[in-house]
Each structure stands twice: as structure tokens, then as C-alpha cells.
Amino acid sequence: MAYTAVTQMPNPFLRLIQWSRPEAGATNPRLASPIDSTTTTIVVTNPPLDHADAIITGNFLMGIRSQDSYVEHVYVPAAAVSADGLTFT
């Protein structure tokens, strides 16, 4: 089978975001509690916001970087974010 380069995301509604806080003195979002291979709920310190500062309600990828700089990618499906944006299920 020949290689075919991908020219677009397979799901046009899937977003990949850089989640950080650019304002001076702000802390970047962090996990509020540790996770492991059996974790089904993730709690964070700050909600993911879009360009208009609205909470993203799901259908995005996020990377969780460990203290050793290893990154685990997590898919958050649509409607999996709590109303306050702090819990993903």
C-alpha cells in the first residue's frame, strides 16, 4: 500500500490546543489530582478556554506532561467537560 500524506484532520470539529495562561503571574493549568491507567475522571486547576474565553466543552486532545517530561495524550470527547470546565469524564 502506498503512503498518502494527510492534508486535513479526519474530524473537522476536533481541536488541538496549547493550553496555557499568558498573563503575567498566572500559573499554567495542572492536574488537581494524580492519574493512572485506571483513571476515568480527570480534574484540572483551570478550564480549557477557546479564543473567545469560553470553556471548551469537549472534542479536543490534550497532552499531560509528567515530571520526567513524558507526554501522555488524552482525547476528551464532546460533552465530557463539566459546566465549570474543571472535570473531564
N, C-alpha and C. Protein backbone atom coordinates (compact mmCIF):
# COMPACT_ATOMS: atom_id res chain seq x y z
N MET A 1 0.84 -1.17 0.00
CA MET A 1 0.00 0.00 0.00
C MET A 1 0.89 1.24 0.00
N ALA A 2 0.59 2.17 -0.86
CA ALA A 2 1.38 3.40 -0.97
C ALA A 2 1.04 4.37 0.16
N TYR A 3 2.03 5.15 0.54
CA TYR A 3 1.84 6.18 1.57
C TYR A 3 1.06 7.35 1.00
N THR A 4 0.08 7.83 1.73
CA THR A 4 -0.68 9.02 1.34
C THR A 4 -0.59 10.02 2.48
N ALA A 5 -0.10 11.21 2.17
CA ALA A 5 0.02 12.25 3.20
C ALA A 5 -1.36 12.76 3.59
N VAL A 6 -1.52 13.05 4.87
CA VAL A 6 -2.78 13.60 5.37
C VAL A 6 -2.78 15.09 5.12
N THR A 7 -3.85 15.59 4.52
CA THR A 7 -3.93 17.02 4.23
C THR A 7 -4.91 17.74 5.14
N GLN A 8 -5.71 16.99 5.90
CA GLN A 8 -6.63 17.63 6.85
C GLN A 8 -6.92 16.67 7.99
N MET A 9 -7.42 17.21 9.07
CA MET A 9 -7.79 16.38 10.20
C MET A 9 -8.98 15.52 9.81
N PRO A 10 -9.05 14.27 10.27
CA PRO A 10 -10.18 13.42 9.91
C PRO A 10 -11.51 13.91 10.47
N ASN A 11 -11.48 14.60 11.58
CA ASN A 11 -12.71 15.14 12.17
C ASN A 11 -12.57 16.66 12.19
N PRO A 12 -13.35 17.38 11.39
CA PRO A 12 -13.16 18.83 11.32
C PRO A 12 -13.50 19.55 12.63
N PHE A 13 -14.13 18.87 13.57
CA PHE A 13 -14.50 19.50 14.82
C PHE A 13 -13.52 19.21 15.95
N LEU A 14 -12.53 18.38 15.69
CA LEU A 14 -11.52 18.07 16.68
C LEU A 14 -10.51 19.20 16.76
N ARG A 15 -10.17 19.62 17.97
CA ARG A 15 -9.22 20.72 18.15
C ARG A 15 -8.00 20.26 18.90
N LEU A 16 -6.87 20.79 18.54
CA LEU A 16 -5.63 20.59 19.29
C LEU A 16 -5.25 21.96 19.80
N ILE A 17 -5.17 22.10 21.13
CA ILE A 17 -4.96 23.43 21.70
C ILE A 17 -3.67 23.48 22.51
N GLN A 18 -3.08 24.65 22.58
CA GLN A 18 -1.98 24.92 23.51
C GLN A 18 -2.63 25.57 24.71
N TRP A 19 -2.66 24.88 25.81
CA TRP A 19 -3.40 25.32 26.97
C TRP A 19 -2.44 25.93 27.97
N SER A 20 -2.40 27.24 28.01
CA SER A 20 -1.51 27.92 28.94
C SER A 20 -2.13 29.26 29.33
N ARG A 21 -1.51 29.90 30.29
CA ARG A 21 -2.00 31.18 30.77
C ARG A 21 -0.93 32.23 30.51
N PRO A 22 -1.10 33.05 29.48
CA PRO A 22 -0.05 34.01 29.11
C PRO A 22 0.07 35.22 30.02
N GLU A 23 -0.95 35.52 30.80
CA GLU A 23 -0.89 36.74 31.60
C GLU A 23 0.18 36.63 32.69
N ALA A 24 0.75 37.76 33.02
CA ALA A 24 1.86 37.81 33.99
C ALA A 24 1.42 37.26 35.34
N GLY A 25 2.25 36.40 35.91
CA GLY A 25 1.99 35.87 37.24
C GLY A 25 1.03 34.70 37.29
N ALA A 26 0.43 34.34 36.17
CA ALA A 26 -0.53 33.24 36.16
C ALA A 26 0.19 31.89 36.15
N THR A 27 -0.42 30.90 36.78
CA THR A 27 0.14 29.55 36.74
C THR A 27 -0.54 28.76 35.64
N ASN A 28 0.21 27.92 34.97
CA ASN A 28 -0.36 27.09 33.92
C ASN A 28 -1.29 26.04 34.53
N PRO A 29 -2.26 25.57 33.75
CA PRO A 29 -3.17 24.54 34.25
C PRO A 29 -2.41 23.28 34.66
N ARG A 30 -2.90 22.64 35.68
CA ARG A 30 -2.28 21.43 36.20
C ARG A 30 -3.38 20.42 36.56
N LEU A 31 -2.98 19.18 36.69
CA LEU A 31 -3.90 18.18 37.21
C LEU A 31 -4.15 18.48 38.68
N ALA A 32 -5.40 18.41 39.10
CA ALA A 32 -5.72 18.65 40.51
C ALA A 32 -5.45 17.41 41.35
N SER A 33 -5.38 16.25 40.70
CA SER A 33 -5.07 15.01 41.39
C SER A 33 -4.33 14.09 40.42
N PRO A 34 -3.52 13.19 40.94
CA PRO A 34 -2.75 12.30 40.06
C PRO A 34 -3.68 11.38 39.25
N ILE A 35 -3.20 10.92 38.10
CA ILE A 35 -3.94 9.95 37.31
C ILE A 35 -3.07 8.71 37.09
N ASP A 36 -3.74 7.59 36.77
CA ASP A 36 -3.02 6.36 36.42
C ASP A 36 -3.79 5.66 35.32
N SER A 37 -3.42 4.44 35.02
CA SER A 37 -4.01 3.73 33.89
C SER A 37 -5.49 3.39 34.08
N THR A 38 -6.00 3.48 35.29
CA THR A 38 -7.42 3.16 35.54
C THR A 38 -8.28 4.40 35.75
N THR A 39 -7.70 5.57 35.68
CA THR A 39 -8.43 6.82 35.91
C THR A 39 -9.45 7.05 34.81
N THR A 40 -10.69 7.35 35.20
CA THR A 40 -11.74 7.65 34.22
C THR A 40 -12.24 9.09 34.33
N THR A 41 -11.82 9.78 35.37
CA THR A 41 -12.19 11.19 35.56
C THR A 41 -10.92 11.99 35.83
N ILE A 42 -10.75 13.08 35.09
CA ILE A 42 -9.59 13.95 35.27
C ILE A 42 -10.06 15.30 35.79
N VAL A 43 -9.44 15.79 36.84
CA VAL A 43 -9.77 17.09 37.42
C VAL A 43 -8.56 18.00 37.21
N VAL A 44 -8.81 19.22 36.73
CA VAL A 44 -7.74 20.17 36.43
C VAL A 44 -7.92 21.45 37.23
N THR A 45 -6.88 22.28 37.27
CA THR A 45 -6.93 23.50 38.07
C THR A 45 -7.54 24.70 37.35
N ASN A 46 -7.52 24.68 36.01
CA ASN A 46 -8.09 25.76 35.21
C ASN A 46 -8.84 25.16 34.03
N PRO A 47 -9.97 25.72 33.64
CA PRO A 47 -10.70 25.16 32.50
C PRO A 47 -10.03 25.49 31.17
N PRO A 48 -10.20 24.62 30.16
CA PRO A 48 -9.68 24.93 28.82
C PRO A 48 -10.58 25.97 28.16
N LEU A 49 -9.98 27.04 27.67
CA LEU A 49 -10.75 28.13 27.08
C LEU A 49 -10.41 28.27 25.60
N ASP A 50 -11.40 28.69 24.81
CA ASP A 50 -11.13 28.94 23.39
C ASP A 50 -10.69 30.39 23.20
N HIS A 51 -10.57 30.80 21.95
CA HIS A 51 -10.07 32.15 21.64
C HIS A 51 -10.96 33.26 22.18
N ALA A 52 -12.24 32.94 22.47
CA ALA A 52 -13.18 33.93 23.00
C ALA A 52 -13.37 33.79 24.51
N ASP A 53 -12.48 33.04 25.16
CA ASP A 53 -12.53 32.78 26.60
C ASP A 53 -13.76 32.00 27.05
N ALA A 54 -14.35 31.22 26.15
CA ALA A 54 -15.45 30.32 26.51
C ALA A 54 -14.86 28.95 26.82
N ILE A 55 -15.46 28.24 27.77
CA ILE A 55 -14.98 26.91 28.14
C ILE A 55 -15.22 25.95 26.98
N ILE A 56 -14.18 25.23 26.59
CA ILE A 56 -14.31 24.22 25.54
C ILE A 56 -15.00 23.01 26.16
N THR A 57 -16.08 22.57 25.55
CA THR A 57 -16.91 21.52 26.14
C THR A 57 -16.52 20.12 25.73
N GLY A 58 -15.48 19.96 24.98
CA GLY A 58 -15.02 18.63 24.62
C GLY A 58 -14.60 18.53 23.17
N ASN A 59 -14.30 17.31 22.76
CA ASN A 59 -13.83 17.00 21.42
C ASN A 59 -12.48 17.67 21.15
N PHE A 60 -11.54 17.48 22.09
CA PHE A 60 -10.20 18.01 21.91
C PHE A 60 -9.17 17.03 22.45
N LEU A 61 -7.94 17.22 22.01
CA LEU A 61 -6.80 16.45 22.51
C LEU A 61 -6.02 17.32 23.47
N MET A 62 -5.53 16.71 24.55
CA MET A 62 -4.65 17.45 25.45
C MET A 62 -3.48 16.56 25.81
N GLY A 63 -2.36 17.17 26.07
CA GLY A 63 -1.18 16.44 26.49
C GLY A 63 -0.93 16.69 27.96
N ILE A 64 -0.64 15.62 28.68
CA ILE A 64 -0.30 15.73 30.10
C ILE A 64 1.18 15.37 30.22
N ARG A 65 1.98 16.33 30.62
CA ARG A 65 3.43 16.12 30.73
C ARG A 65 3.80 15.76 32.16
N SER A 66 4.55 14.67 32.30
CA SER A 66 4.99 14.23 33.62
C SER A 66 6.21 15.03 34.06
N GLN A 67 6.61 14.82 35.30
CA GLN A 67 7.80 15.49 35.82
C GLN A 67 9.05 15.08 35.04
N ASP A 68 9.00 13.90 34.41
CA ASP A 68 10.13 13.42 33.61
C ASP A 68 10.04 13.88 32.15
N SER A 69 9.09 14.76 31.86
CA SER A 69 8.85 15.33 30.53
C SER A 69 8.26 14.35 29.52
N TYR A 70 7.71 13.23 29.99
CA TYR A 70 6.97 12.35 29.10
C TYR A 70 5.57 12.91 28.94
N VAL A 71 5.03 12.85 27.72
CA VAL A 71 3.70 13.40 27.46
C VAL A 71 2.73 12.29 27.12
N GLU A 72 1.61 12.26 27.83
CA GLU A 72 0.51 11.34 27.52
C GLU A 72 -0.59 12.17 26.88
N HIS A 73 -1.05 11.73 25.72
CA HIS A 73 -2.13 12.44 25.04
C HIS A 73 -3.47 11.85 25.43
N VAL A 74 -4.42 12.72 25.73
CA VAL A 74 -5.74 12.31 26.18
C VAL A 74 -6.77 12.94 25.26
N TYR A 75 -7.70 12.13 24.78
CA TYR A 75 -8.82 12.63 23.98
C TYR A 75 -9.99 12.90 24.91
N VAL A 76 -10.53 14.10 24.88
CA VAL A 76 -11.69 14.47 25.67
C VAL A 76 -12.86 14.58 24.70
N PRO A 77 -13.80 13.63 24.75
CA PRO A 77 -14.91 13.64 23.79
C PRO A 77 -15.89 14.78 24.02
N ALA A 78 -16.71 15.03 23.02
CA ALA A 78 -17.74 16.07 23.12
C ALA A 78 -18.62 15.82 24.33
N ALA A 79 -19.00 16.88 25.00
CA ALA A 79 -19.88 16.86 26.18
C ALA A 79 -19.27 16.11 27.36
N ALA A 80 -17.95 15.99 27.43
CA ALA A 80 -17.30 15.29 28.54
C ALA A 80 -16.73 16.25 29.58
N VAL A 81 -16.96 17.54 29.42
CA VAL A 81 -16.41 18.55 30.31
C VAL A 81 -17.53 19.07 31.21
N SER A 82 -17.24 19.17 32.51
CA SER A 82 -18.25 19.69 33.46
C SER A 82 -18.55 21.16 33.15
N ALA A 83 -19.63 21.67 33.71
CA ALA A 83 -20.06 23.05 33.46
C ALA A 83 -18.99 24.07 33.84
N ASP A 84 -18.23 23.78 34.91
CA ASP A 84 -17.18 24.73 35.31
C ASP A 84 -15.87 24.51 34.56
N GLY A 85 -15.80 23.46 33.75
CA GLY A 85 -14.63 23.19 32.94
C GLY A 85 -13.48 22.54 33.67
N LEU A 86 -13.69 22.11 34.90
CA LEU A 86 -12.60 21.56 35.72
C LEU A 86 -12.55 20.04 35.77
N THR A 87 -13.58 19.37 35.27
CA THR A 87 -13.64 17.91 35.32
C THR A 87 -13.94 17.34 33.95
N PHE A 88 -13.13 16.34 33.55
CA PHE A 88 -13.33 15.64 32.28
C PHE A 88 -13.65 14.19 32.59
N THR A 89 -14.68 13.66 31.95
CA THR A 89 -15.05 12.24 32.16
C THR A 89 -15.06 11.49 30.87
